[in-house]
Amino acid sequence: MSFSENVRSAFRRGETDAVVRMSEAEIERAQAAGDPAGEVEARYSLARVAIRGGDLPGGEARAREALGVALRSGDRSLEERPRHVLAGVARMSGDLVRARDLYRESIALNETLGQPQTVNSEYHNLAFCELGLGNLEVARTLFAENRERVFRNAWADFVPYVCVAGTALASAEGDHARTARMIGVTDAAFAAIGQVPDPDDAADLATMRAAATEALGAAAFDKEYAEGQRLDPQRAFGYDNR
């Protein structure tokens, strides 16, 4: 596998130390070889590690370094991942208006690049900004459109994030039992593809888990959670399996 495939797989498995070692080595190799794509990928990976560890300023700094390399290269496709991280940092920092603007810019870039799956992913993040800004109906519509695209196109890697969105809506609506079930669905969906959530989604899930546990009590939460773990994601959303 390529460096990009290896480092992203390691990150999704939660192997942070391996990601750092691989990325630092790749930066040295890429700079020596005049390979901006490799350097951007490595700096992007270090940004994600920083964010996962709660170091948002560090994550932003690494992402800006990666974006600088991308801009100097003149290859617009290399801007995509750093811009995604910068939008995520704004979102996690609570600057949802700025994050919304950055996600819209990222969507436009990925549409230009002809990358429909990444467009879909950024709409997922945009919907969370709308939800955080109190625009529940806008978020509901965006999440529904996103969910339909994922299931229609059988984008397996996106299924857990559809479940994250379902959890967020249940939580926003104050349906704590459904929130607990959807967390169960979400955890099972991530386990099914051998991945862990991206840092911003992991933070959202932790917040929603704590709120649902406090509202229901630990025993009731665990009961609903266990039920959710047995649910197929499409059935959890009322689809008949296609």
Protein backbone atom coordinates (compact mmCIF):
# COMPACT_ATOMS: atom_id res chain seq x y z
CA MET A 1 0.00 0.00 0.00
CA SER A 2 1.02 3.63 -0.47
CA PHE A 3 2.01 5.89 2.42
CA SER A 4 -1.41 7.56 2.22
CA GLU A 5 -3.26 4.24 2.47
CA ASN A 6 -1.03 2.97 5.27
CA VAL A 7 -1.17 6.11 7.39
CA ARG A 8 -4.92 6.58 7.01
CA SER A 9 -5.56 2.95 7.90
CA ALA A 10 -3.37 3.26 10.98
CA PHE A 11 -5.18 6.43 12.04
CA ARG A 12 -8.59 4.81 11.64
CA ARG A 13 -7.45 1.89 13.76
CA GLY A 14 -6.39 4.35 16.47
CA GLU A 15 -2.65 3.62 16.14
CA THR A 16 -1.49 7.13 16.96
CA ASP A 17 2.18 6.41 17.65
CA ALA A 18 2.52 4.59 14.33
CA VAL A 19 0.93 7.53 12.50
CA VAL A 20 3.42 9.97 14.03
CA ARG A 21 6.45 7.78 13.20
CA MET A 22 5.28 7.20 9.63
CA SER A 23 4.43 10.86 9.06
CA GLU A 24 7.69 12.28 10.38
CA ALA A 25 9.65 9.88 8.19
CA GLU A 26 7.50 10.76 5.19
CA ILE A 27 8.06 14.50 5.64
CA GLU A 28 11.82 13.96 5.47
CA ARG A 29 11.51 11.69 2.42
CA ALA A 30 9.06 13.99 0.61
CA GLN A 31 11.11 17.14 1.18
CA ALA A 32 14.24 15.43 -0.11
CA ALA A 33 12.38 14.09 -3.14
CA GLY A 34 10.48 17.28 -3.92
CA ASP A 35 7.18 15.45 -3.42
CA PRO A 36 4.56 17.97 -2.17
CA ALA A 37 1.77 15.38 -2.18
CA GLY A 38 3.63 13.17 0.28
CA GLU A 39 4.51 16.10 2.51
CA VAL A 40 0.93 17.40 2.55
CA GLU A 41 -0.41 13.94 3.46
CA ALA A 42 2.13 13.57 6.26
CA ARG A 43 1.47 17.01 7.75
CA TYR A 44 -2.27 16.43 7.45
CA SER A 45 -1.86 13.18 9.37
CA LEU A 46 0.05 14.93 12.14
CA ALA A 47 -2.72 17.52 12.31
CA ARG A 48 -5.30 14.78 12.82
CA VAL A 49 -3.20 13.19 15.57
CA ALA A 50 -2.94 16.53 17.38
CA ILE A 51 -6.68 17.05 17.17
CA ARG A 52 -7.41 13.54 18.39
CA GLY A 53 -5.20 14.32 21.40
CA GLY A 54 -7.15 17.50 22.14
CA ASP A 55 -4.49 19.90 20.84
CA LEU A 56 -6.62 22.06 18.56
CA PRO A 57 -4.02 24.86 18.13
CA GLY A 58 -1.41 22.24 17.24
CA GLY A 59 -3.78 20.62 14.79
CA GLU A 60 -4.51 23.97 13.17
CA ALA A 61 -0.80 24.76 12.91
CA ARG A 62 0.00 21.43 11.23
CA ALA A 63 -2.94 21.88 8.84
CA ARG A 64 -1.77 25.38 7.90
CA GLU A 65 1.70 23.98 7.20
CA ALA A 66 0.13 21.37 4.93
CA LEU A 67 -1.99 23.99 3.19
CA GLY A 68 1.08 26.15 2.62
CA VAL A 69 2.84 23.25 0.88
CA ALA A 70 -0.28 22.60 -1.21
CA LEU A 71 -0.63 26.23 -2.29
CA ARG A 72 3.03 26.46 -3.26
CA SER A 73 2.67 23.32 -5.38
CA GLY A 74 -0.14 24.83 -7.48
CA ASP A 75 -2.05 21.54 -7.31
CA ARG A 76 -5.54 22.36 -6.03
CA SER A 77 -6.27 18.74 -5.17
CA LEU A 78 -3.64 18.94 -2.41
CA GLU A 79 -5.62 21.69 -0.69
CA GLU A 80 -8.54 19.41 0.06
CA ARG A 81 -7.39 17.61 3.23
CA PRO A 82 -5.79 20.65 4.95
CA ARG A 83 -8.91 22.73 4.30
CA HIS A 84 -11.04 19.95 5.75
CA VAL A 85 -8.96 19.96 8.93
CA LEU A 86 -9.11 23.74 9.30
CA ALA A 87 -12.90 23.60 9.05
CA GLY A 88 -12.96 20.81 11.64
CA VAL A 89 -10.81 22.80 14.06
CA ALA A 90 -13.14 25.79 13.73
CA ARG A 91 -16.11 23.52 14.43
CA MET A 92 -14.51 21.87 17.44
CA SER A 93 -13.43 25.27 18.76
CA GLY A 94 -17.06 26.39 18.75
CA ASP A 95 -16.73 28.90 15.90
CA LEU A 96 -19.61 27.36 13.98
CA VAL A 97 -20.25 30.32 11.68
CA ARG A 98 -16.65 30.23 10.45
CA ALA A 99 -16.73 26.44 10.26
CA ARG A 100 -19.91 26.57 8.17
CA ASP A 101 -18.22 28.94 5.71
CA LEU A 102 -15.11 26.76 5.53
CA TYR A 103 -17.16 23.61 4.91
CA ARG A 104 -19.05 25.36 2.12
CA GLU A 105 -15.71 26.34 0.55
CA SER A 106 -14.52 22.75 0.89
CA ILE A 107 -17.69 21.45 -0.74
CA ALA A 108 -17.19 23.82 -3.68
CA LEU A 109 -13.55 22.72 -4.05
CA ASN A 110 -14.45 19.03 -4.02
CA GLU A 111 -17.23 19.56 -6.52
CA THR A 112 -14.66 21.21 -8.80
CA LEU A 113 -12.34 18.25 -8.26
CA GLY A 114 -15.11 15.75 -9.05
CA GLN A 115 -14.97 13.98 -5.67
CA PRO A 116 -18.58 13.07 -4.75
CA GLN A 117 -17.75 11.00 -1.69
CA THR A 118 -15.75 13.85 -0.15
CA VAL A 119 -18.55 16.28 -1.03
CA ASN A 120 -20.89 13.97 0.86
CA SER A 121 -18.56 13.87 3.86
CA GLU A 122 -18.34 17.65 4.01
CA TYR A 123 -22.12 17.96 3.82
CA HIS A 124 -22.20 15.69 6.89
CA ASN A 125 -19.95 18.15 8.69
CA LEU A 126 -21.90 21.15 7.42
CA ALA A 127 -25.07 19.61 8.83
CA PHE A 128 -23.44 19.39 12.25
CA CYS A 129 -22.63 23.10 12.06
CA GLU A 130 -26.27 23.85 11.25
CA LEU A 131 -27.37 21.66 14.14
CA GLY A 132 -25.02 23.45 16.51
CA LEU A 133 -26.34 26.82 15.32
CA GLY A 134 -29.88 25.73 16.19
CA ASN A 135 -31.03 25.22 12.60
CA LEU A 136 -32.62 21.84 13.31
CA GLU A 137 -34.71 21.55 10.15
CA VAL A 138 -31.80 22.48 7.90
CA ALA A 139 -29.64 19.89 9.66
CA ARG A 140 -32.37 17.25 9.44
CA THR A 141 -32.69 17.79 5.69
CA LEU A 142 -28.93 17.66 5.11
CA PHE A 143 -28.57 14.51 7.22
CA ALA A 144 -31.44 12.81 5.35
CA GLU A 145 -29.96 13.66 1.95
CA ASN A 146 -26.58 12.44 3.12
CA ARG A 147 -28.02 9.18 4.47
CA GLU A 148 -29.86 8.49 1.20
CA ARG A 149 -26.67 9.00 -0.84
CA VAL A 150 -24.67 6.69 1.43
CA PHE A 151 -27.15 3.82 1.35
CA ARG A 152 -27.96 4.23 -2.36
CA ASN A 153 -24.29 4.17 -3.34
CA ALA A 154 -23.30 1.50 -0.79
CA TRP A 155 -20.53 3.71 0.63
CA ALA A 156 -19.71 1.37 3.51
CA ASP A 157 -17.08 3.62 5.11
CA PHE A 158 -19.69 6.37 5.53
CA VAL A 159 -22.32 4.21 7.25
CA PRO A 160 -20.96 4.81 10.78
CA TYR A 161 -21.07 8.57 10.18
CA VAL A 162 -24.69 8.33 9.07
CA CYS A 163 -25.26 6.68 12.45
CA VAL A 164 -23.42 9.50 14.23
CA ALA A 165 -25.81 11.92 12.52
CA GLY A 166 -28.82 9.89 13.64
CA THR A 167 -27.52 9.96 17.19
CA ALA A 168 -27.08 13.73 17.04
CA LEU A 169 -30.63 14.29 15.84
CA ALA A 170 -32.05 12.06 18.56
CA SER A 171 -30.04 13.95 21.15
CA ALA A 172 -31.09 17.35 19.80
CA GLU A 173 -34.72 16.26 19.96
CA GLY A 174 -34.33 15.15 23.59
CA ASP A 175 -35.06 11.49 22.81
CA HIS A 176 -32.54 9.99 25.20
CA ALA A 177 -33.60 6.37 24.71
CA ARG A 178 -33.15 6.63 20.96
CA THR A 179 -29.85 8.44 21.51
CA ALA A 180 -28.59 5.49 23.55
CA ARG A 181 -29.77 3.00 20.91
CA MET A 182 -28.15 5.00 18.12
CA ILE A 183 -24.86 5.14 20.02
CA GLY A 184 -25.02 1.35 20.13
CA VAL A 185 -25.72 1.24 16.39
CA THR A 186 -22.86 3.66 15.76
CA ASP A 187 -20.29 1.78 17.83
CA ALA A 188 -21.22 -1.48 16.12
CA ALA A 189 -21.02 0.16 12.69
CA PHE A 190 -17.51 1.45 13.37
CA ALA A 191 -16.45 -1.96 14.71
CA ALA A 192 -17.86 -3.66 11.60
CA ILE A 193 -15.42 -1.79 9.35
CA GLY A 194 -12.53 -1.85 11.83
CA GLN A 195 -12.37 1.90 12.37
CA VAL A 196 -12.76 4.50 15.11
CA PRO A 197 -14.54 7.86 14.70
CA ASP A 198 -12.78 10.98 13.45
CA PRO A 199 -11.83 13.29 16.36
CA ASP A 200 -14.71 15.74 15.96
CA ASP A 201 -17.28 12.95 15.74
CA ALA A 202 -15.69 11.15 18.69
CA ALA A 203 -16.05 14.33 20.76
CA ASP A 204 -19.71 14.69 19.76
CA LEU A 205 -20.43 11.04 20.61
CA ALA A 206 -18.80 11.37 24.03
CA THR A 207 -20.93 14.42 24.84
CA MET A 208 -24.13 12.72 23.68
CA ARG A 209 -23.28 9.53 25.58
CA ALA A 210 -22.78 11.48 28.80
CA ALA A 211 -26.05 13.39 28.39
CA ALA A 212 -28.08 10.27 27.63
CA THR A 213 -26.54 8.35 30.54
CA GLU A 214 -27.32 11.21 32.92
CA ALA A 215 -30.91 11.44 31.67
CA LEU A 216 -31.67 7.70 31.63
CA GLY A 217 -29.44 6.34 34.35
CA ALA A 218 -26.66 3.86 33.64
CA ALA A 219 -28.84 0.72 33.67
CA ALA A 220 -31.44 2.09 31.25
CA PHE A 221 -28.73 3.50 29.00
CA ASP A 222 -26.97 0.14 28.87
CA LYS A 223 -30.24 -1.63 27.97
CA GLU A 224 -30.97 0.71 25.05
CA TYR A 225 -27.33 0.68 23.96
CA ALA A 226 -27.28 -3.13 23.83
CA GLU A 227 -30.44 -3.12 21.72
CA GLY A 228 -28.82 -0.68 19.32
CA GLN A 229 -25.74 -2.86 18.94
CA ARG A 230 -27.96 -5.61 17.57
CA LEU A 231 -29.62 -3.34 14.98
CA ASP A 232 -28.56 -3.20 11.35
CA PRO A 233 -27.90 0.47 10.48
CA GLN A 234 -30.43 0.60 7.64
CA ARG A 235 -33.14 -0.93 9.82
CA ALA A 236 -32.29 1.54 12.57
CA PHE A 237 -33.35 4.28 10.15
CA GLY A 238 -36.49 2.48 9.01
CA TYR A 239 -35.07 1.12 5.76
CA ASP A 240 -35.74 -2.39 4.62
CA ASN A 241 -32.31 -3.79 3.80
CA ARG A 242 -31.60 -3.21 0.13
